[in-house]
C-alpha atoms as a PDB file:
ATOM      1  CA  MET A   1      31.407  25.948  39.437  1.00  0.00           C
ATOM      2  CA  ARG A   2      34.909  26.137  37.694  1.00  0.00           C
ATOM      3  CA  GLU A   3      35.229  29.460  39.230  1.00  0.00           C
ATOM      4  CA  ILE A   4      36.189  28.077  42.546  1.00  0.00           C
ATOM      5  CA  PHE A   5      39.456  26.859  41.119  1.00  0.00           C
ATOM      6  CA  THR A   6      40.163  29.715  38.462  1.00  0.00           C
ATOM      7  CA  MET A   7      39.688  32.474  41.253  1.00  0.00           C
ATOM      8  CA  TRP A   8      43.171  31.335  42.460  1.00  0.00           C
ATOM      9  CA  ARG A   9      44.804  33.227  39.519  1.00  0.00           C
ATOM     10  CA  ASP A  10      43.538  36.582  40.765  1.00  0.00           C
ATOM     11  CA  THR A  11      45.749  38.054  43.744  1.00  0.00           C
ATOM     12  CA  ARG A  12      42.548  39.929  44.875  1.00  0.00           C
ATOM     13  CA  MET A  13      40.626  36.880  45.240  1.00  0.00           C
ATOM     14  CA  ILE A  14      43.514  35.270  47.125  1.00  0.00           C
ATOM     15  CA  MET A  15      43.747  38.340  49.413  1.00  0.00           C
ATOM     16  CA  LEU A  16      39.991  37.917  50.009  1.00  0.00           C
ATOM     17  CA  VAL A  17      40.497  34.234  50.841  1.00  0.00           C
ATOM     18  CA  ALA A  18      43.238  35.118  53.353  1.00  0.00           C
ATOM     19  CA  VAL A  19      40.939  37.903  54.951  1.00  0.00           C
ATOM     20  CA  VAL A  20      37.977  35.551  55.358  1.00  0.00           C
ATOM     21  CA  ALA A  21      40.122  32.832  56.986  1.00  0.00           C
ATOM     22  CA  ALA A  22      41.838  35.194  59.182  1.00  0.00           C
ATOM     23  CA  VAL A  23      38.710  36.680  60.453  1.00  0.00           C
ATOM     24  CA  TYR A  24      36.743  33.392  60.787  1.00  0.00           C
ATOM     25  CA  ALA A  25      39.503  31.794  62.738  1.00  0.00           C
ATOM     26  CA  ALA A  26      40.149  34.877  64.911  1.00  0.00           C
ATOM     27  CA  VAL A  27      36.619  34.904  66.066  1.00  0.00           C
ATOM     28  CA  LEU A  28      36.138  31.074  66.328  1.00  0.00           C
ATOM     29  CA  LEU A  29      39.335  30.552  68.723  1.00  0.00           C
ATOM     30  CA  PRO A  30      38.263  32.397  71.688  1.00  0.00           C
ATOM     31  CA  PHE A  31      34.862  30.715  71.839  1.00  0.00           C
ATOM     32  CA  LYS A  32      36.565  27.206  71.596  1.00  0.00           C
ATOM     33  CA  LEU A  33      36.323  27.465  75.491  1.00  0.00           C
ATOM     34  CA  PHE A  34      32.352  27.383  75.312  1.00  0.00           C
ATOM     35  CA  THR A  35      32.098  23.794  74.435  1.00  0.00           C
ATOM     36  CA  ILE A  36      28.618  22.290  73.253  1.00  0.00           C
ATOM     37  CA  ILE A  37      30.027  18.876  72.406  1.00  0.00           C
ATOM     38  CA  PRO A  38      33.481  18.445  73.381  1.00  0.00           C
ATOM     39  CA  GLY A  39      35.984  17.994  70.412  1.00  0.00           C
ATOM     40  CA  ILE A  40      33.572  18.531  68.059  1.00  0.00           C
ATOM     41  CA  THR A  41      31.501  21.902  68.153  1.00  0.00           C
ATOM     42  CA  SER A  42      31.369  24.998  70.599  1.00  0.00           C
ATOM     43  CA  VAL A  43      29.330  28.298  70.555  1.00  0.00           C
ATOM     44  CA  ARG A  44      30.348  30.011  67.274  1.00  0.00           C
ATOM     45  CA  PRO A  45      28.978  33.505  66.725  1.00  0.00           C
ATOM     46  CA  ALA A  46      31.836  33.573  64.111  1.00  0.00           C
ATOM     47  CA  ASN A  47      29.411  31.372  61.999  1.00  0.00           C
ATOM     48  CA  VAL A  48      27.822  34.888  60.629  1.00  0.00           C
ATOM     49  CA  PHE A  49      30.982  35.507  58.569  1.00  0.00           C
ATOM     50  CA  PRO A  50      30.643  32.637  56.012  1.00  0.00           C
ATOM     51  CA  VAL A  51      27.158  33.738  55.123  1.00  0.00           C
ATOM     52  CA  ILE A  52      27.823  37.350  54.821  1.00  0.00           C
ATOM     53  CA  PHE A  53      31.109  37.131  53.104  1.00  0.00           C
ATOM     54  CA  SER A  54      29.560  34.389  50.730  1.00  0.00           C
ATOM     55  CA  ILE A  55      27.071  37.137  49.526  1.00  0.00           C
ATOM     56  CA  MET A  56      29.943  39.760  49.248  1.00  0.00           C
ATOM     57  CA  PHE A  57      32.976  37.693  48.133  1.00  0.00           C
ATOM     58  CA  GLY A  58      31.614  34.647  46.321  1.00  0.00           C
ATOM     59  CA  PRO A  59      33.899  31.700  46.013  1.00  0.00           C
ATOM     60  CA  ALA A  60      36.701  33.323  48.111  1.00  0.00           C
ATOM     61  CA  ALA A  61      34.383  33.126  51.144  1.00  0.00           C
ATOM     62  CA  ALA A  62      34.178  29.316  50.420  1.00  0.00           C
ATOM     63  CA  TRP A  63      37.674  28.576  50.502  1.00  0.00           C
ATOM     64  CA  GLY A  64      38.206  31.305  53.287  1.00  0.00           C
ATOM     65  CA  ALA A  65      35.588  29.508  55.658  1.00  0.00           C
ATOM     66  CA  ALA A  66      36.842  26.041  54.937  1.00  0.00           C
ATOM     67  CA  ILE A  67      40.487  26.941  55.622  1.00  0.00           C
ATOM     68  CA  GLY A  68      39.579  29.289  58.566  1.00  0.00           C
ATOM     69  CA  ASN A  69      37.651  26.436  60.162  1.00  0.00           C
ATOM     70  CA  LEU A  70      40.615  24.414  59.865  1.00  0.00           C
ATOM     71  CA  ILE A  71      42.825  26.861  61.356  1.00  0.00           C
ATOM     72  CA  GLY A  72      40.517  27.016  64.177  1.00  0.00           C
ATOM     73  CA  ASP A  73      40.487  23.198  64.661  1.00  0.00           C
ATOM     74  CA  ILE A  74      44.427  23.118  64.545  1.00  0.00           C
ATOM     75  CA  PHE A  75      44.865  25.894  67.096  1.00  0.00           C
ATOM     76  CA  GLY A  76      41.778  25.272  69.112  1.00  0.00           C
ATOM     77  CA  GLY A  77      42.799  21.802  69.871  1.00  0.00           C
ATOM     78  CA  THR A  78      39.836  19.963  67.953  1.00  0.00           C
ATOM     79  CA  LEU A  79      41.839  18.774  64.910  1.00  0.00           C
ATOM     80  CA  GLY A  80      40.775  15.057  64.113  1.00  0.00           C
ATOM     81  CA  PRO A  81      39.066  12.996  61.406  1.00  0.00           C
ATOM     82  CA  GLY A  82      35.915  14.886  61.759  1.00  0.00           C
ATOM     83  CA  SER A  83      37.881  18.156  60.377  1.00  0.00           C
ATOM     84  CA  ILE A  84      37.997  16.566  56.958  1.00  0.00           C
ATOM     85  CA  PHE A  85      34.159  17.032  56.968  1.00  0.00           C
ATOM     86  CA  GLY A  86      34.236  20.295  58.857  1.00  0.00           C
ATOM     87  CA  PHE A  87      36.333  21.646  55.934  1.00  0.00           C
ATOM     88  CA  LEU A  88      33.718  20.389  53.486  1.00  0.00           C
ATOM     89  CA  GLY A  89      30.860  21.615  55.189  1.00  0.00           C
ATOM     90  CA  ASN A  90      32.414  25.143  55.923  1.00  0.00           C
ATOM     91  CA  PHE A  91      33.295  25.364  52.258  1.00  0.00           C
ATOM     92  CA  PHE A  92      29.659  24.914  51.291  1.00  0.00           C
ATOM     93  CA  PHE A  93      28.717  27.362  54.470  1.00  0.00           C
ATOM     94  CA  GLY A  94      30.598  29.823  52.480  1.00  0.00           C
ATOM     95  CA  PHE A  95      29.328  29.038  49.079  1.00  0.00           C
ATOM     96  CA  VAL A  96      25.679  28.613  49.131  1.00  0.00           C
ATOM     97  CA  GLY A  97      24.804  32.438  49.680  1.00  0.00           C
ATOM     98  CA  TYR A  98      27.051  33.416  46.351  1.00  0.00           C
ATOM     99  CA  LYS A  99      24.733  30.978  44.395  1.00  0.00           C
ATOM    100  CA  LEU A 100      21.401  31.928  46.163  1.00  0.00           C
ATOM    101  CA  TRP A 101      21.210  35.674  46.444  1.00  0.00           C
ATOM    102  CA  GLY A 102      18.699  37.048  43.850  1.00  0.00           C
ATOM    103  CA  ASN A 103      17.854  33.383  42.602  1.00  0.00           C
ATOM    104  CA  LEU A 104      15.158  32.498  45.227  1.00  0.00           C
ATOM    105  CA  GLY A 105      12.200  33.423  43.172  1.00  0.00           C
ATOM    106  CA  PRO A 106       9.594  35.199  45.317  1.00  0.00           C
ATOM    107  CA  LEU A 107      11.831  34.980  48.311  1.00  0.00           C
ATOM    108  CA  SER A 108      14.248  37.113  46.356  1.00  0.00           C
ATOM    109  CA  SER A 109      14.200  41.135  46.781  1.00  0.00           C
ATOM    110  CA  GLY A 110      15.557  42.019  43.335  1.00  0.00           C
ATOM    111  CA  ASP A 111      17.988  44.443  45.293  1.00  0.00           C
ATOM    112  CA  GLU A 112      21.678  44.345  46.451  1.00  0.00           C
ATOM    113  CA  PRO A 113      22.253  42.919  49.917  1.00  0.00           C
ATOM    114  CA  ASP A 114      22.350  46.360  51.923  1.00  0.00           C
ATOM    115  CA  MET A 115      19.690  45.333  54.203  1.00  0.00           C
ATOM    116  CA  ARG A 116      17.675  48.499  53.645  1.00  0.00           C
ATOM    117  CA  SER A 117      14.276  46.656  53.017  1.00  0.00           C
ATOM    118  CA  GLY A 118      12.265  44.083  54.583  1.00  0.00           C
ATOM    119  CA  MET A 119      12.294  41.763  51.565  1.00  0.00           C
ATOM    120  CA  GLN A 120      16.117  41.946  51.642  1.00  0.00           C
ATOM    121  CA  ILE A 121      16.061  40.725  55.078  1.00  0.00           C
ATOM    122  CA  VAL A 122      13.826  37.820  54.159  1.00  0.00           C
ATOM    123  CA  GLU A 123      16.123  36.636  51.207  1.00  0.00           C
ATOM    124  CA  TYR A 124      18.890  36.922  53.554  1.00  0.00           C
ATOM    125  CA  LEU A 125      17.163  34.693  56.331  1.00  0.00           C
ATOM    126  CA  ALA A 126      16.302  32.042  53.781  1.00  0.00           C
ATOM    127  CA  ILE A 127      20.007  32.059  52.680  1.00  0.00           C
ATOM    128  CA  ALA A 128      21.156  31.756  56.263  1.00  0.00           C
ATOM    129  CA  VAL A 129      18.813  28.934  56.768  1.00  0.00           C
ATOM    130  CA  ALA A 130      20.091  26.938  53.544  1.00  0.00           C
ATOM    131  CA  SER A 131      23.667  27.615  54.209  1.00  0.00           C
ATOM    132  CA  SER A 132      23.374  26.399  57.931  1.00  0.00           C
ATOM    133  CA  ALA A 133      21.517  23.282  56.797  1.00  0.00           C
ATOM    134  CA  VAL A 134      23.980  22.338  54.074  1.00  0.00           C
ATOM    135  CA  CYS A 135      26.818  22.997  56.772  1.00  0.00           C
ATOM    136  CA  ALA A 136      25.116  21.003  59.335  1.00  0.00           C
ATOM    137  CA  ALA A 137      24.118  18.039  57.204  1.00  0.00           C
ATOM    138  CA  ILE A 138      27.464  17.624  55.697  1.00  0.00           C
ATOM    139  CA  ILE A 139      29.290  17.669  58.981  1.00  0.00           C
ATOM    140  CA  ALA A 140      26.903  15.583  60.667  1.00  0.00           C
ATOM    141  CA  TRP A 141      27.024  12.857  58.043  1.00  0.00           C
ATOM    142  CA  GLY A 142      30.661  12.631  58.018  1.00  0.00           C
ATOM    143  CA  VAL A 143      30.988  12.492  61.830  1.00  0.00           C
ATOM    144  CA  ASP A 144      28.421   9.745  62.043  1.00  0.00           C
ATOM    145  CA  LEU A 145      30.123   7.747  59.439  1.00  0.00           C
ATOM    146  CA  LEU A 146      33.164   8.135  61.538  1.00  0.00           C
ATOM    147  CA  GLY A 147      31.278   6.844  64.529  1.00  0.00           C
ATOM    148  CA  LEU A 148      31.922   9.956  66.555  1.00  0.00           C
ATOM    149  CA  VAL A 149      28.822  11.518  67.122  1.00  0.00           C
ATOM    150  CA  PRO A 150      25.284  10.540  65.884  1.00  0.00           C
ATOM    151  CA  PHE A 151      23.806  12.592  63.214  1.00  0.00           C
ATOM    152  CA  THR A 152      20.654  12.761  65.285  1.00  0.00           C
ATOM    153  CA  VAL A 153      22.652  14.774  67.887  1.00  0.00           C
ATOM    154  CA  LEU A 154      25.131  16.768  65.903  1.00  0.00           C
ATOM    155  CA  GLY A 155      22.909  17.806  62.880  1.00  0.00           C
ATOM    156  CA  PRO A 156      20.402  19.584  64.831  1.00  0.00           C
ATOM    157  CA  THR A 157      23.173  21.218  67.291  1.00  0.00           C
ATOM    158  CA  ILE A 158      24.936  22.668  64.210  1.00  0.00           C
ATOM    159  CA  MET A 159      21.923  23.853  62.630  1.00  0.00           C
ATOM    160  CA  ILE A 160      20.753  25.939  65.575  1.00  0.00           C
ATOM    161  CA  ASN A 161      24.200  27.169  66.178  1.00  0.00           C
ATOM    162  CA  ASN A 162      24.912  28.324  62.627  1.00  0.00           C
ATOM    163  CA  THR A 163      21.408  29.758  62.161  1.00  0.00           C
ATOM    164  CA  LEU A 164      21.156  31.571  65.333  1.00  0.00           C
ATOM    165  CA  ALA A 165      24.358  33.506  64.555  1.00  0.00           C
ATOM    166  CA  ALA A 166      23.978  34.140  60.908  1.00  0.00           C
ATOM    167  CA  ALA A 167      20.234  35.223  61.398  1.00  0.00           C
ATOM    168  CA  VAL A 168      20.783  37.453  64.312  1.00  0.00           C
ATOM    169  CA  LEU A 169      24.174  39.090  63.405  1.00  0.00           C
ATOM    170  CA  GLY A 170      24.066  38.963  59.754  1.00  0.00           C
ATOM    171  CA  PRO A 171      21.604  41.746  58.914  1.00  0.00           C
ATOM    172  CA  PRO A 172      23.252  44.244  60.913  1.00  0.00           C
ATOM    173  CA  LEU A 173      26.704  43.409  59.820  1.00  0.00           C
ATOM    174  CA  LEU A 174      25.472  43.563  56.152  1.00  0.00           C
ATOM    175  CA  TYR A 175      23.961  46.994  56.834  1.00  0.00           C
ATOM    176  CA  LEU A 176      27.150  48.535  57.970  1.00  0.00           C
ATOM    177  CA  THR A 177      29.828  46.733  55.764  1.00  0.00           C
ATOM    178  CA  TYR A 178      28.094  46.179  52.344  1.00  0.00           C
ATOM    179  CA  PRO A 179      28.382  49.865  51.413  1.00  0.00           C
ATOM    180  CA  ARG A 180      31.815  50.063  52.238  1.00  0.00           C
ATOM    181  CA  ILE A 181      32.848  46.963  50.676  1.00  0.00           C
ATOM    182  CA  LYS A 182      31.194  48.110  47.513  1.00  0.00           C
ATOM    183  CA  GLU A 183      32.834  51.451  47.649  1.00  0.00           C
ATOM    184  CA  MET A 184      36.210  49.742  47.843  1.00  0.00           C
ATOM    185  CA  GLY A 185      35.341  47.699  44.621  1.00  0.00           C
ATOM    186  CA  LEU A 186      35.827  44.194  46.403  1.00  0.00           C
ATOM    187  CA  LEU A 187      32.420  42.797  45.704  1.00  0.00           C
ATOM    188  CA  TYR A 188      32.805  39.390  43.683  1.00  0.00           C
ATOM    189  CA  PRO A 189      31.294  40.761  40.491  1.00  0.00           C
ATOM    190  CA  GLU A 190      33.720  43.671  40.452  1.00  0.00           C
ATOM    191  CA  VAL A 191      36.864  41.269  41.108  1.00  0.00           C
ATOM    192  CA  MET A 192      36.117  37.969  39.428  1.00  0.00           C
ATOM    193  CA  GLU A 193      36.637  37.784  35.698  1.00  0.00           C
ATOM    194  CA  SER A 194      33.406  37.950  33.378  1.00  0.00           C
ATOM    195  CA  GLY A 195      33.833  34.751  31.780  1.00  0.00           C
ATOM    196  CA  ASP A 196      33.664  33.150  35.332  1.00  0.00           C
ATOM    197  CA  LEU A 197      30.573  34.982  36.160  1.00  0.00           C
ATOM    198  CA  SER A 198      28.477  34.215  32.862  1.00  0.00           C
ATOM    199  CA  ALA A 199      29.831  30.747  31.577  1.00  0.00           C
ATOM    200  CA  PHE A 200      28.116  28.602  34.027  1.00  0.00           C
ATOM    201  CA  GLY A 201      24.644  29.994  34.225  1.00  0.00           C
ATOM    202  CA  PHE A 202      21.663  27.675  34.379  1.00  0.00           C
ATOM    203  CA  ALA A 203      18.761  28.641  32.206  1.00  0.00           C
ATOM    204  CA  GLN A 204      16.408  28.542  35.302  1.00  0.00           C
ATOM    205  CA  PRO A 205      18.788  29.713  38.299  1.00  0.00           C
ATOM    206  CA  THR A 206      15.716  29.484  40.783  1.00  0.00           C
ATOM    207  CA  VAL A 207      15.462  25.655  40.331  1.00  0.00           C
ATOM    208  CA  ALA A 208      18.948  25.303  41.649  1.00  0.00           C
ATOM    209  CA  GLY A 209      18.527  27.855  44.339  1.00  0.00           C
ATOM    210  CA  PHE A 210      15.370  26.133  45.597  1.00  0.00           C
ATOM    211  CA  GLY A 211      17.294  23.095  45.140  1.00  0.00           C
ATOM    212  CA  PHE A 212      19.797  24.041  47.753  1.00  0.00           C
ATOM    213  CA  LEU A 213      17.122  25.241  50.372  1.00  0.00           C
ATOM    214  CA  VAL A 214      14.884  22.239  50.070  1.00  0.00           C
ATOM    215  CA  VAL A 215      17.333  19.417  49.694  1.00  0.00           C
ATOM    216  CA  SER A 216      19.270  20.469  52.494  1.00  0.00           C
ATOM    217  CA  LEU A 217      16.513  20.840  54.827  1.00  0.00           C
ATOM    218  CA  VAL A 218      14.915  17.392  53.821  1.00  0.00           C
ATOM    219  CA  TRP A 219      18.451  15.760  54.227  1.00  0.00           C
ATOM    220  CA  LEU A 220      18.791  17.272  57.691  1.00  0.00           C
ATOM    221  CA  ALA A 221      15.166  16.265  58.575  1.00  0.00           C
ATOM    222  CA  LEU A 222      15.499  12.797  57.725  1.00  0.00           C
ATOM    223  CA  GLY A 223      18.894  12.293  58.996  1.00  0.00           C
ATOM    224  CA  THR A 224      17.631  13.606  62.292  1.00  0.00           C
ATOM    225  CA  TYR A 225      14.323  12.020  62.476  1.00  0.00           C
ATOM    226  CA  ALA A 226      13.809   9.195  60.039  1.00  0.00           C
ATOM    227  CA  LEU A 227      17.180   7.339  59.893  1.00  0.00           C
ATOM    228  CA  PRO A 228      19.108   5.564  62.813  1.00  0.00           C
ATOM    229  CA  PRO A 229      22.536   6.796  63.384  1.00  0.00           C
ATOM    230  CA  GLY A 230      25.325   4.763  61.764  1.00  0.00           C
ATOM    231  CA  SER A 231      22.943   2.930  59.427  1.00  0.00           C
ATOM    232  CA  THR A 232      23.225   2.300  55.660  1.00  0.00           C
ATOM    233  CA  GLY A 233      20.186   4.647  55.208  1.00  0.00           C
ATOM    234  CA  GLN A 234      22.216   7.632  56.688  1.00  0.00           C
ATOM    235  CA  MET A 235      25.274   6.718  54.418  1.00  0.00           C
ATOM    236  CA  VAL A 236      23.229   6.649  51.346  1.00  0.00           C
ATOM    237  CA  LEU A 237      21.152   9.694  52.036  1.00  0.00           C
ATOM    238  CA  GLY A 238      24.350  11.744  52.881  1.00  0.00           C
ATOM    239  CA  ALA A 239      26.285  10.457  49.662  1.00  0.00           C
ATOM    240  CA  VAL A 240      22.666  11.252  47.680  1.00  0.00           C
ATOM    241  CA  GLY A 241      22.527  14.785  49.494  1.00  0.00           C
ATOM    242  CA  PHE A 242      26.248  15.688  48.906  1.00  0.00           C
ATOM    243  CA  VAL A 243      26.124  14.774  45.074  1.00  0.00           C
ATOM    244  CA  LEU A 244      23.053  16.974  44.767  1.00  0.00           C
ATOM    245  CA  MET A 245      24.793  19.757  46.781  1.00  0.00           C
ATOM    246  CA  VAL A 246      27.654  19.778  44.026  1.00  0.00           C
ATOM    247  CA  VAL A 247      25.193  19.403  41.297  1.00  0.00           C
ATOM    248  CA  PHE A 248      23.163  22.661  42.254  1.00  0.00           C
ATOM    249  CA  GLY A 249      26.463  24.376  42.746  1.00  0.00           C
ATOM    250  CA  VAL A 250      27.587  23.579  39.090  1.00  0.00           C
ATOM    251  CA  ILE A 251      24.196  24.261  37.454  1.00  0.00           C
ATOM    252  CA  GLY A 252      23.532  27.471  39.529  1.00  0.00           C
ATOM    253  CA  SER A 253      24.274  30.982  38.450  1.00  0.00           C
ATOM    254  CA  GLN A 254      25.303  33.968  40.392  1.00  0.00           C
ATOM    255  CA  GLY A 255      22.500  36.287  41.181  1.00  0.00           C
ATOM    256  CA  LEU A 256      24.128  39.387  42.528  1.00  0.00           C
ATOM    257  CA  PRO A 257      25.793  40.430  39.145  1.00  0.00           C
ATOM    258  CA  ALA A 258      22.374  40.387  37.479  1.00  0.00           C
ATOM    259  CA  VAL A 259      20.862  42.500  40.547  1.00  0.00           C
ATOM    260  CA  MET A 260      23.581  45.072  40.194  1.00  0.00           C
ATOM    261  CA  ASP A 261      22.761  45.161  36.312  1.00  0.00           C
ATOM    262  CA  ARG A 262      19.183  45.630  36.882  1.00  0.00           C
ATOM    263  CA  THR A 263      19.466  48.121  39.421  1.00  0.00           C
ATOM    264  CA  GLY A 264      21.835  50.201  37.084  1.00  0.00           C
ATOM    265  CA  ILE A 265      24.657  50.077  39.849  1.00  0.00           C
ATOM    266  CA  HIS A 266      27.003  47.821  37.834  1.00  0.00           C
END
């Protein structure tokens, strides 16, 4: 996970952070008018971008999604204490796909994410669900701790909002953009330094990949259906869930470089 900090020494990665943040914020802002929970969340078709950018741009998408969401809060009039957890949640929203593509065992296609096969779409949808659940759980946990909106209300709302946008819009957008991004040499395996790509791989990356998927969904389900809002149980569950997300991020490897090597493309 060191690469999320060392990437700042590369001007191309900084450029990608700026592009992701700008695109995300630009599409978020017009839809702030379509409020779901006042001051907290709105209709967000822009939620497709952290997921697809995560797969293509790696850690640049994590920072870009976090910064873009913060910009959206500032200029959309929803900046507040909950924006801290919005930053964290959107960081993971743009981080999970980077760690999961190629690392989901039988759910992985073994191909690049150009959305030319059914298995690629299955793998993408699994990543969209995991990314959406992580983001929803982190934000709902934090906002619940602040006493603003109960986890039981906000968690499912963000999960549905995120998943619909990412699942419906993601495959066609990847189909159109992935080959062009690859031609431009801007995929993260081509931009990041080789040491950052190889130094932190885990011996069994599928464990970390499924860890993201399973723990995020369990966290969201328990927080929504098993624990009262504002309870000590919610606090502890969130703390444990967040630590596990960090652990999986540290021990998980990046699957796209290996896929590109196996297919003889990289």
